[in-house]
Amino acid sequence: MSKTILAIDPSTVRLGWAALEFPLEPECASHLEGIWQYGSWPVRGETLQEKMHSVKPLLERFGYVCHLVVEKPTFFNSEAGRIAAREGHIINLSIMLGWIIAKLDLWGPDVTMYNPNQWKGMVPKDVTRKKFYRVFDDARRLDRWGDGEKYDHDTVDAIMLMHYWLTQRRLTYVK
C-alpha cells in the first residue's frame, strides 16, 4: 500500500498543494523515491461550508495521507492583513484547515504546521520562486509562469513547504 505526504499552502480562494506518494512510512527510510504531484486547487463557493465541500475531491484523490505539512494561518500586520482579519478570513482559513485535518483523519503527530517565517522567512514571493529554481534544477525550464501558470505562487509555496519538511528530517528524495 502506498502512502502520501501532503503539503498545503492553505487558502479560501486557491489552495496550493504538493504530494509525495511512496511505498514506505517516512520513518522507515532515509531516502524517499516516490511520485511527486503538485498544483493549485480553486476553492469555490460563497459560504465556508461550500468552500470546504469544494476541496473534498482534492483530498480524496490521494488515498492514505500519513502526514500533512501545512502553513499555519498567520496574521500579518499590514493593511491587507488587517482587512483580512476584520473580514474573518483568518478565522475561516483556520476552520477550513481544521476540517481538512479531520477529513484526512489525522492526529497531532501526523500534522506539522509552520508559520511562514519558519520555513521561508519573511521574503517576497519572487525570492521563494528563485529558491525553488535553485532547488529544482529543471523547474525554470519547465515553468510557464505567466503562460499557463505551471508553477503559480501557491504551488511553489506548497512544493517548498514539502521540501523544507523533508530536509528538516534529513530525508533525501528524488526530485
Protein backbone atom coordinates (compact mmCIF):
# COMPACT_ATOMS: atom_id res chain seq x y z
CA MET A 1 0.00 0.00 0.00
CA SER A 2 1.35 3.41 -0.85
CA LYS A 3 1.24 6.36 1.49
CA THR A 4 1.25 10.08 0.81
CA ILE A 5 2.80 13.08 2.48
CA LEU A 6 0.71 16.12 1.59
CA ALA A 7 1.83 19.75 1.88
CA ILE A 8 -0.73 22.53 1.66
CA ASP A 9 -0.43 26.28 1.29
CA PRO A 10 -3.97 26.92 2.55
CA SER A 11 -6.37 29.45 1.14
CA THR A 12 -10.09 30.04 0.86
CA VAL A 13 -9.55 31.13 -2.76
CA ARG A 14 -6.85 28.93 -4.34
CA LEU A 15 -5.07 26.23 -2.37
CA GLY A 16 -1.52 25.21 -3.32
CA TRP A 17 -0.63 21.56 -2.77
CA ALA A 18 2.26 19.15 -3.21
CA ALA A 19 2.07 15.41 -2.61
CA LEU A 20 4.77 12.76 -2.40
CA GLU A 21 3.43 9.23 -2.74
CA PHE A 22 5.78 6.45 -1.70
CA PRO A 23 5.70 2.79 -0.62
CA LEU A 24 7.13 3.20 2.93
CA GLU A 25 6.47 5.24 6.05
CA PRO A 26 8.87 8.22 6.26
CA GLU A 27 10.35 6.81 9.47
CA CYS A 28 11.33 3.59 7.66
CA ALA A 29 13.78 5.13 5.20
CA SER A 30 16.21 7.99 4.86
CA HIS A 31 15.70 8.19 1.10
CA LEU A 32 12.25 8.52 -0.44
CA GLU A 33 11.62 7.52 -4.01
CA GLY A 34 8.09 8.39 -4.84
CA ILE A 35 5.76 10.11 -7.21
CA TRP A 36 5.56 13.90 -6.91
CA GLN A 37 2.29 15.57 -7.74
CA TYR A 38 1.52 19.25 -7.28
CA GLY A 39 -0.80 22.01 -8.34
CA SER A 40 -3.29 24.56 -7.17
CA TRP A 41 -6.92 23.89 -6.46
CA PRO A 42 -9.62 26.51 -6.93
CA VAL A 43 -11.69 26.85 -3.77
CA ARG A 44 -15.26 27.56 -4.84
CA GLY A 45 -18.38 28.72 -3.07
CA GLU A 46 -19.76 31.66 -1.18
CA THR A 47 -20.12 30.08 2.25
CA LEU A 48 -17.38 28.41 4.25
CA GLN A 49 -19.28 25.11 4.01
CA GLU A 50 -19.37 25.36 0.20
CA LYS A 51 -15.66 26.16 0.12
CA MET A 52 -14.83 23.13 2.29
CA HIS A 53 -17.02 20.91 0.12
CA SER A 54 -15.18 22.14 -3.00
CA VAL A 55 -11.85 20.92 -1.56
CA LYS A 56 -13.17 17.42 -0.79
CA PRO A 57 -12.36 15.94 -4.26
CA LEU A 58 -8.74 17.09 -3.94
CA LEU A 59 -8.34 15.36 -0.59
CA GLU A 60 -9.98 12.16 -1.83
CA ARG A 61 -7.59 11.73 -4.74
CA PHE A 62 -4.60 10.86 -2.52
CA GLY A 63 -5.81 7.73 -0.79
CA TYR A 64 -3.97 7.30 2.52
CA VAL A 65 -2.29 10.52 3.69
CA CYS A 66 0.12 9.62 6.51
CA HIS A 67 1.36 13.17 7.16
CA LEU A 68 0.18 16.71 6.45
CA VAL A 69 2.56 19.66 6.26
CA VAL A 70 0.81 23.00 6.26
CA GLU A 71 1.47 26.69 6.52
CA LYS A 72 -0.21 27.91 9.68
CA PRO A 73 -2.76 30.70 9.16
CA THR A 74 -0.96 33.83 10.29
CA PHE A 75 -1.94 37.45 10.86
CA PHE A 76 0.25 39.94 9.02
CA ASN A 77 0.28 43.45 10.41
CA SER A 78 -0.22 45.20 7.11
CA GLU A 79 -3.21 46.96 5.58
CA ALA A 80 -4.13 43.77 3.68
CA GLY A 81 -3.64 41.71 6.85
CA ARG A 82 -5.86 43.99 8.91
CA ILE A 83 -8.59 43.86 6.25
CA ALA A 84 -8.34 40.05 6.12
CA ALA A 85 -8.64 39.87 9.92
CA ARG A 86 -11.55 42.32 10.02
CA GLU A 87 -13.43 40.29 7.39
CA GLY A 88 -12.82 37.00 9.21
CA HIS A 89 -10.56 35.42 6.57
CA ILE A 90 -8.00 34.15 9.10
CA ILE A 91 -10.71 32.54 11.23
CA ASN A 92 -12.34 30.94 8.18
CA LEU A 93 -8.96 29.69 6.97
CA SER A 94 -8.27 28.17 10.40
CA ILE A 95 -11.68 26.45 10.42
CA MET A 96 -11.08 25.13 6.91
CA LEU A 97 -7.66 23.82 7.89
CA GLY A 98 -9.14 22.05 10.92
CA TRP A 99 -11.75 20.50 8.63
CA ILE A 100 -9.03 19.29 6.23
CA ILE A 101 -7.11 17.67 9.10
CA ALA A 102 -10.28 15.95 10.33
CA LYS A 103 -11.27 14.88 6.80
CA LEU A 104 -7.85 13.24 6.36
CA ASP A 105 -8.33 11.56 9.77
CA LEU A 106 -5.00 12.85 11.07
CA TRP A 107 -3.92 13.42 14.68
CA GLY A 108 -1.37 15.72 16.30
CA PRO A 109 1.85 13.84 15.42
CA ASP A 110 0.64 13.40 11.83
CA VAL A 111 0.44 17.15 11.19
CA THR A 112 3.28 19.66 11.01
CA MET A 113 2.44 23.36 10.95
CA TYR A 114 4.96 26.04 10.13
CA ASN A 115 4.40 29.74 10.19
CA PRO A 116 5.77 31.47 7.07
CA ASN A 117 8.78 32.88 8.92
CA GLN A 118 9.87 29.37 9.98
CA TRP A 119 10.00 27.77 6.55
CA LYS A 120 10.77 30.62 4.16
CA GLY A 121 11.42 33.76 6.15
CA MET A 122 9.57 36.99 5.61
CA VAL A 123 10.53 37.33 1.97
CA PRO A 124 8.58 38.33 -1.13
CA LYS A 125 7.14 35.59 -3.35
CA ASP A 126 9.75 36.17 -6.07
CA VAL A 127 12.53 35.25 -3.59
CA THR A 128 10.78 31.95 -2.79
CA ARG A 129 10.44 31.33 -6.55
CA LYS A 130 14.19 31.91 -7.08
CA LYS A 131 14.99 29.45 -4.28
CA PHE A 132 12.55 26.99 -5.89
CA TYR A 133 14.51 27.27 -9.17
CA ARG A 134 17.78 26.62 -7.31
CA VAL A 135 16.43 23.54 -5.52
CA PHE A 136 14.62 22.05 -8.51
CA ASP A 137 17.06 22.36 -11.41
CA ASP A 138 14.65 21.81 -14.29
CA ALA A 139 11.81 23.90 -12.83
CA ARG A 140 12.85 27.11 -14.58
CA ARG A 141 12.92 25.36 -17.95
CA LEU A 142 9.52 23.76 -17.34
CA ASP A 143 7.91 26.83 -15.81
CA ARG A 144 5.35 28.61 -17.91
CA TRP A 145 4.83 31.38 -15.37
CA GLY A 146 2.53 33.91 -16.95
CA ASP A 147 1.72 31.46 -19.75
CA GLY A 148 -0.40 28.70 -18.25
CA GLU A 149 0.97 29.07 -14.71
CA LYS A 150 2.54 25.63 -14.29
CA TYR A 151 4.06 26.89 -11.06
CA ASP A 152 1.86 29.63 -9.64
CA HIS A 153 2.94 31.07 -6.28
CA ASP A 154 0.54 28.83 -4.32
CA THR A 155 2.03 25.71 -5.92
CA VAL A 156 5.61 26.94 -5.41
CA ASP A 157 4.88 27.59 -1.73
CA ALA A 158 3.41 24.09 -1.27
CA ILE A 159 6.37 22.43 -3.01
CA MET A 160 8.88 24.44 -0.99
CA LEU A 161 6.96 23.71 2.23
CA MET A 162 7.27 19.99 1.43
CA HIS A 163 10.98 20.45 0.62
CA TYR A 164 11.52 22.21 3.96
CA TRP A 165 9.76 19.45 5.91
CA LEU A 166 11.79 16.73 4.16
CA THR A 167 15.12 18.49 4.68
CA GLN A 168 14.34 19.17 8.35
CA ARG A 169 14.08 15.40 8.76
CA ARG A 170 17.23 14.86 6.71
CA LEU A 171 15.24 12.83 4.23
CA THR A 172 16.64 12.78 0.73
CA TYR A 173 14.26 12.36 -2.13
CA VAL A 174 14.08 12.14 -5.88
CA LYS A 175 13.07 15.49 -7.41
